[in-house]
Amino acid sequence: MKKLILSSLFLFICLLCYSQEKLYKEIGKTQTLTSAEYEVLKQVKYKKFENSGMVMKLEESILDSTQINGSMVYTYKLERVFSNGFRISPNASFEKVYSLYGK
């Protein structure tokens, strides 16, 4: 019974050691955020739009994912979308350059 418990505990610890961390990086920037920081950033931006009184929503797009040192790094962009369909992307110039990456 002790061997079963010890082997189960060992297996659980090994799985925890090899789990990947999700990191997020905005297109055109070098700073990476953890999942919790990324969610807080989105909530702050939502609240900012609500407080401004403008009728718009925030649209999230994951552009790319890469694996670096055992962590997954997702490149994202956040666009403001108004009720009439007009979009504002704060990093439009970086998007054009990023689309040429690897070509």
N, C-alpha and C. Protein backbone atom coordinates (compact mmCIF):
# COMPACT_ATOMS: atom_id res chain seq x y z
N MET A 1 0.82 -1.19 0.00
CA MET A 1 0.00 0.00 0.00
C MET A 1 0.87 1.26 0.00
N LYS A 2 1.98 1.20 0.78
CA LYS A 2 2.87 2.35 0.84
C LYS A 2 3.51 2.61 -0.52
N LYS A 3 3.85 1.54 -1.22
CA LYS A 3 4.46 1.69 -2.55
C LYS A 3 3.49 2.34 -3.52
N LEU A 4 2.23 1.99 -3.43
CA LEU A 4 1.22 2.58 -4.31
C LEU A 4 1.06 4.07 -4.04
N ILE A 5 1.01 4.44 -2.79
CA ILE A 5 0.88 5.85 -2.43
C ILE A 5 2.12 6.63 -2.85
N LEU A 6 3.31 6.07 -2.60
CA LEU A 6 4.54 6.76 -2.98
C LEU A 6 4.67 6.90 -4.50
N SER A 7 4.32 5.87 -5.22
CA SER A 7 4.42 5.95 -6.68
C SER A 7 3.40 6.93 -7.25
N SER A 8 2.21 6.98 -6.66
CA SER A 8 1.20 7.95 -7.10
C SER A 8 1.66 9.38 -6.81
N LEU A 9 2.24 9.59 -5.65
CA LEU A 9 2.76 10.91 -5.28
C LEU A 9 3.91 11.32 -6.20
N PHE A 10 4.79 10.39 -6.50
CA PHE A 10 5.91 10.66 -7.40
C PHE A 10 5.41 11.04 -8.80
N LEU A 11 4.42 10.30 -9.29
CA LEU A 11 3.85 10.58 -10.61
C LEU A 11 3.20 11.96 -10.63
N PHE A 12 2.48 12.31 -9.58
CA PHE A 12 1.84 13.63 -9.49
C PHE A 12 2.87 14.75 -9.48
N ILE A 13 3.95 14.59 -8.77
CA ILE A 13 5.01 15.60 -8.71
C ILE A 13 5.69 15.74 -10.07
N CYS A 14 5.90 14.64 -10.74
CA CYS A 14 6.51 14.69 -12.08
C CYS A 14 5.61 15.44 -13.06
N LEU A 15 4.31 15.22 -12.98
CA LEU A 15 3.39 15.93 -13.87
C LEU A 15 3.40 17.43 -13.61
N LEU A 16 3.50 17.81 -12.35
CA LEU A 16 3.56 19.23 -12.02
C LEU A 16 4.85 19.88 -12.54
N CYS A 17 5.92 19.16 -12.54
CA CYS A 17 7.20 19.69 -13.01
C CYS A 17 7.19 19.95 -14.50
N TYR A 18 6.46 19.17 -15.26
CA TYR A 18 6.47 19.30 -16.71
C TYR A 18 5.28 20.10 -17.26
N SER A 19 4.49 20.71 -16.40
CA SER A 19 3.36 21.49 -16.89
C SER A 19 3.86 22.79 -17.50
N GLN A 20 3.17 23.24 -18.53
CA GLN A 20 3.57 24.45 -19.24
C GLN A 20 2.85 25.65 -18.66
N GLU A 21 3.55 26.77 -18.66
CA GLU A 21 2.96 28.02 -18.23
C GLU A 21 2.54 28.79 -19.47
N LYS A 22 1.36 29.41 -19.41
CA LYS A 22 0.89 30.22 -20.53
C LYS A 22 1.30 31.66 -20.29
N LEU A 23 2.01 32.23 -21.26
CA LEU A 23 2.41 33.62 -21.21
C LEU A 23 1.80 34.34 -22.41
N TYR A 24 1.53 35.62 -22.25
CA TYR A 24 0.92 36.40 -23.32
C TYR A 24 1.79 37.61 -23.62
N LYS A 25 1.93 37.91 -24.91
CA LYS A 25 2.74 39.04 -25.36
C LYS A 25 1.94 39.81 -26.41
N GLU A 26 1.81 41.12 -26.20
CA GLU A 26 1.09 41.93 -27.17
C GLU A 26 1.94 42.15 -28.41
N ILE A 27 1.30 42.16 -29.56
CA ILE A 27 2.02 42.32 -30.81
C ILE A 27 2.75 43.67 -30.80
N GLY A 28 4.04 43.62 -31.15
CA GLY A 28 4.85 44.82 -31.18
C GLY A 28 5.52 45.18 -29.87
N LYS A 29 5.27 44.40 -28.83
CA LYS A 29 5.87 44.67 -27.52
C LYS A 29 6.67 43.46 -27.06
N THR A 30 7.55 43.68 -26.11
CA THR A 30 8.40 42.59 -25.63
C THR A 30 8.00 42.06 -24.26
N GLN A 31 7.17 42.78 -23.53
CA GLN A 31 6.77 42.37 -22.20
C GLN A 31 5.82 41.19 -22.26
N THR A 32 6.08 40.16 -21.45
CA THR A 32 5.18 39.01 -21.38
C THR A 32 4.38 39.07 -20.09
N LEU A 33 3.16 38.60 -20.16
CA LEU A 33 2.26 38.59 -19.02
C LEU A 33 1.84 37.16 -18.70
N THR A 34 1.62 36.87 -17.44
CA THR A 34 1.08 35.57 -17.06
C THR A 34 -0.42 35.57 -17.35
N SER A 35 -1.05 34.44 -17.23
CA SER A 35 -2.49 34.33 -17.51
C SER A 35 -3.30 35.25 -16.60
N ALA A 36 -2.93 35.30 -15.32
CA ALA A 36 -3.66 36.14 -14.37
C ALA A 36 -3.48 37.62 -14.71
N GLU A 37 -2.25 38.02 -15.04
CA GLU A 37 -2.00 39.43 -15.41
C GLU A 37 -2.74 39.80 -16.68
N TYR A 38 -2.80 38.87 -17.63
CA TYR A 38 -3.50 39.12 -18.89
C TYR A 38 -5.00 39.33 -18.66
N GLU A 39 -5.60 38.51 -17.80
CA GLU A 39 -7.02 38.66 -17.49
C GLU A 39 -7.29 39.99 -16.80
N VAL A 40 -6.41 40.40 -15.88
CA VAL A 40 -6.56 41.68 -15.20
C VAL A 40 -6.45 42.82 -16.20
N LEU A 41 -5.51 42.74 -17.13
CA LEU A 41 -5.35 43.76 -18.16
C LEU A 41 -6.62 43.91 -18.99
N LYS A 42 -7.22 42.79 -19.39
CA LYS A 42 -8.46 42.85 -20.18
C LYS A 42 -9.59 43.48 -19.37
N GLN A 43 -9.69 43.11 -18.09
CA GLN A 43 -10.74 43.68 -17.25
C GLN A 43 -10.57 45.18 -17.07
N VAL A 44 -9.33 45.64 -16.92
CA VAL A 44 -9.06 47.07 -16.77
C VAL A 44 -9.47 47.81 -18.05
N LYS A 45 -9.14 47.24 -19.20
CA LYS A 45 -9.51 47.88 -20.47
C LYS A 45 -11.03 47.91 -20.64
N TYR A 46 -11.73 46.83 -20.27
CA TYR A 46 -13.19 46.82 -20.35
C TYR A 46 -13.78 47.92 -19.47
N LYS A 47 -13.29 48.03 -18.25
CA LYS A 47 -13.79 49.04 -17.32
C LYS A 47 -13.52 50.45 -17.84
N LYS A 48 -12.35 50.64 -18.45
CA LYS A 48 -11.99 51.94 -19.01
C LYS A 48 -12.99 52.35 -20.10
N PHE A 49 -13.37 51.40 -20.96
CA PHE A 49 -14.32 51.70 -22.02
C PHE A 49 -15.71 51.97 -21.45
N GLU A 50 -16.11 51.21 -20.44
CA GLU A 50 -17.41 51.42 -19.82
C GLU A 50 -17.49 52.80 -19.17
N ASN A 51 -16.42 53.22 -18.51
CA ASN A 51 -16.39 54.50 -17.83
C ASN A 51 -16.34 55.68 -18.80
N SER A 52 -15.82 55.46 -20.02
CA SER A 52 -15.74 56.54 -20.99
C SER A 52 -17.10 56.88 -21.58
N GLY A 53 -18.05 55.96 -21.50
CA GLY A 53 -19.38 56.20 -22.02
C GLY A 53 -19.53 55.87 -23.50
N MET A 54 -18.47 55.44 -24.15
CA MET A 54 -18.55 55.07 -25.56
C MET A 54 -19.14 53.67 -25.69
N VAL A 55 -19.88 53.47 -26.78
CA VAL A 55 -20.46 52.16 -27.04
C VAL A 55 -19.48 51.40 -27.94
N MET A 56 -18.68 50.56 -27.33
CA MET A 56 -17.71 49.77 -28.06
C MET A 56 -17.41 48.51 -27.27
N LYS A 57 -16.78 47.58 -27.95
CA LYS A 57 -16.36 46.36 -27.26
C LYS A 57 -14.90 46.08 -27.61
N LEU A 58 -14.29 45.25 -26.85
CA LEU A 58 -12.89 44.88 -27.04
C LEU A 58 -12.85 43.48 -27.63
N GLU A 59 -12.18 43.34 -28.78
CA GLU A 59 -12.10 42.05 -29.44
C GLU A 59 -10.67 41.53 -29.34
N GLU A 60 -10.53 40.32 -28.85
CA GLU A 60 -9.23 39.69 -28.63
C GLU A 60 -8.93 38.70 -29.76
N SER A 61 -7.70 38.73 -30.27
CA SER A 61 -7.28 37.79 -31.30
C SER A 61 -5.91 37.23 -30.93
N ILE A 62 -5.78 35.91 -30.93
CA ILE A 62 -4.49 35.26 -30.72
C ILE A 62 -3.88 35.05 -32.11
N LEU A 63 -2.73 35.67 -32.36
CA LEU A 63 -2.12 35.63 -33.67
C LEU A 63 -1.13 34.48 -33.85
N ASP A 64 -0.42 34.14 -32.79
CA ASP A 64 0.66 33.16 -32.91
C ASP A 64 0.93 32.55 -31.55
N SER A 65 1.51 31.37 -31.55
CA SER A 65 1.95 30.75 -30.30
C SER A 65 3.30 30.09 -30.55
N THR A 66 4.20 30.27 -29.62
CA THR A 66 5.52 29.66 -29.69
C THR A 66 5.85 29.06 -28.33
N GLN A 67 6.73 28.06 -28.34
CA GLN A 67 7.16 27.44 -27.10
C GLN A 67 8.58 27.90 -26.80
N ILE A 68 8.75 28.52 -25.63
CA ILE A 68 10.05 29.03 -25.20
C ILE A 68 10.31 28.55 -23.78
N ASN A 69 11.38 27.79 -23.60
CA ASN A 69 11.79 27.29 -22.28
C ASN A 69 10.66 26.59 -21.54
N GLY A 70 9.91 25.77 -22.21
CA GLY A 70 8.84 25.02 -21.56
C GLY A 70 7.56 25.79 -21.32
N SER A 71 7.48 27.01 -21.78
CA SER A 71 6.27 27.82 -21.63
C SER A 71 5.72 28.16 -23.01
N MET A 72 4.41 28.24 -23.10
CA MET A 72 3.77 28.66 -24.34
C MET A 72 3.58 30.17 -24.29
N VAL A 73 4.07 30.85 -25.31
CA VAL A 73 3.93 32.30 -25.40
C VAL A 73 2.97 32.60 -26.55
N TYR A 74 1.84 33.22 -26.21
CA TYR A 74 0.82 33.57 -27.19
C TYR A 74 0.95 35.05 -27.53
N THR A 75 0.99 35.35 -28.82
CA THR A 75 1.02 36.73 -29.28
C THR A 75 -0.43 37.13 -29.57
N TYR A 76 -0.86 38.23 -28.97
CA TYR A 76 -2.26 38.63 -29.10
C TYR A 76 -2.37 40.08 -29.55
N LYS A 77 -3.58 40.44 -29.97
CA LYS A 77 -3.90 41.84 -30.23
C LYS A 77 -5.30 42.10 -29.71
N LEU A 78 -5.51 43.30 -29.22
CA LEU A 78 -6.82 43.72 -28.74
C LEU A 78 -7.27 44.90 -29.59
N GLU A 79 -8.44 44.76 -30.20
CA GLU A 79 -8.98 45.82 -31.05
C GLU A 79 -10.24 46.39 -30.42
N ARG A 80 -10.44 47.68 -30.60
CA ARG A 80 -11.68 48.32 -30.19
C ARG A 80 -12.64 48.25 -31.37
N VAL A 81 -13.85 47.76 -31.13
CA VAL A 81 -14.86 47.63 -32.17
C VAL A 81 -16.07 48.46 -31.75
N PHE A 82 -16.40 49.47 -32.57
CA PHE A 82 -17.54 50.32 -32.28
C PHE A 82 -18.82 49.66 -32.77
N SER A 83 -19.96 50.19 -32.35
CA SER A 83 -21.25 49.60 -32.70
C SER A 83 -21.52 49.63 -34.21
N ASN A 84 -20.90 50.57 -34.95
CA ASN A 84 -21.11 50.63 -36.40
C ASN A 84 -20.14 49.72 -37.17
N GLY A 85 -19.28 48.97 -36.47
CA GLY A 85 -18.36 48.04 -37.11
C GLY A 85 -16.97 48.59 -37.34
N PHE A 86 -16.76 49.86 -37.05
CA PHE A 86 -15.44 50.48 -37.22
C PHE A 86 -14.48 49.92 -36.17
N ARG A 87 -13.27 49.56 -36.62
CA ARG A 87 -12.27 48.95 -35.73
C ARG A 87 -11.08 49.88 -35.56
N ILE A 88 -10.56 49.91 -34.36
CA ILE A 88 -9.32 50.64 -34.08
C ILE A 88 -8.33 49.66 -33.48
N SER A 89 -7.20 49.50 -34.15
CA SER A 89 -6.14 48.64 -33.67
C SER A 89 -4.96 49.52 -33.28
N PRO A 90 -4.56 49.52 -32.02
CA PRO A 90 -3.48 50.41 -31.59
C PRO A 90 -2.12 50.05 -32.18
N ASN A 91 -1.96 48.84 -32.69
CA ASN A 91 -0.67 48.39 -33.21
C ASN A 91 -0.76 48.04 -34.69
N ALA A 92 -1.44 48.85 -35.48
CA ALA A 92 -1.66 48.53 -36.90
C ALA A 92 -0.34 48.42 -37.67
N SER A 93 0.63 49.29 -37.37
CA SER A 93 1.90 49.24 -38.10
C SER A 93 2.67 47.96 -37.77
N PHE A 94 2.60 47.49 -36.54
CA PHE A 94 3.28 46.26 -36.16
C PHE A 94 2.62 45.05 -36.82
N GLU A 95 1.31 45.11 -37.04
CA GLU A 95 0.61 44.00 -37.67
C GLU A 95 1.09 43.79 -39.10
N LYS A 96 1.36 44.87 -39.82
CA LYS A 96 1.85 44.75 -41.18
C LYS A 96 3.23 44.10 -41.21
N VAL A 97 4.09 44.52 -40.31
CA VAL A 97 5.44 43.94 -40.22
C VAL A 97 5.36 42.49 -39.78
N TYR A 98 4.49 42.20 -38.79
CA TYR A 98 4.38 40.85 -38.26
C TYR A 98 3.85 39.87 -39.32
N SER A 99 3.00 40.36 -40.21
CA SER A 99 2.47 39.48 -41.26
C SER A 99 3.56 39.03 -42.22
N LEU A 100 4.67 39.76 -42.30
CA LEU A 100 5.78 39.39 -43.17
C LEU A 100 6.79 38.48 -42.48
N TYR A 101 6.64 38.27 -41.19
CA TYR A 101 7.56 37.45 -40.41
C TYR A 101 7.60 36.03 -40.95
N GLY A 102 8.77 35.53 -41.27
CA GLY A 102 8.95 34.16 -41.76
C GLY A 102 8.75 33.98 -43.25
N LYS A 103 8.54 35.08 -43.98
CA LYS A 103 8.34 34.95 -45.42
C LYS A 103 9.58 35.39 -46.16
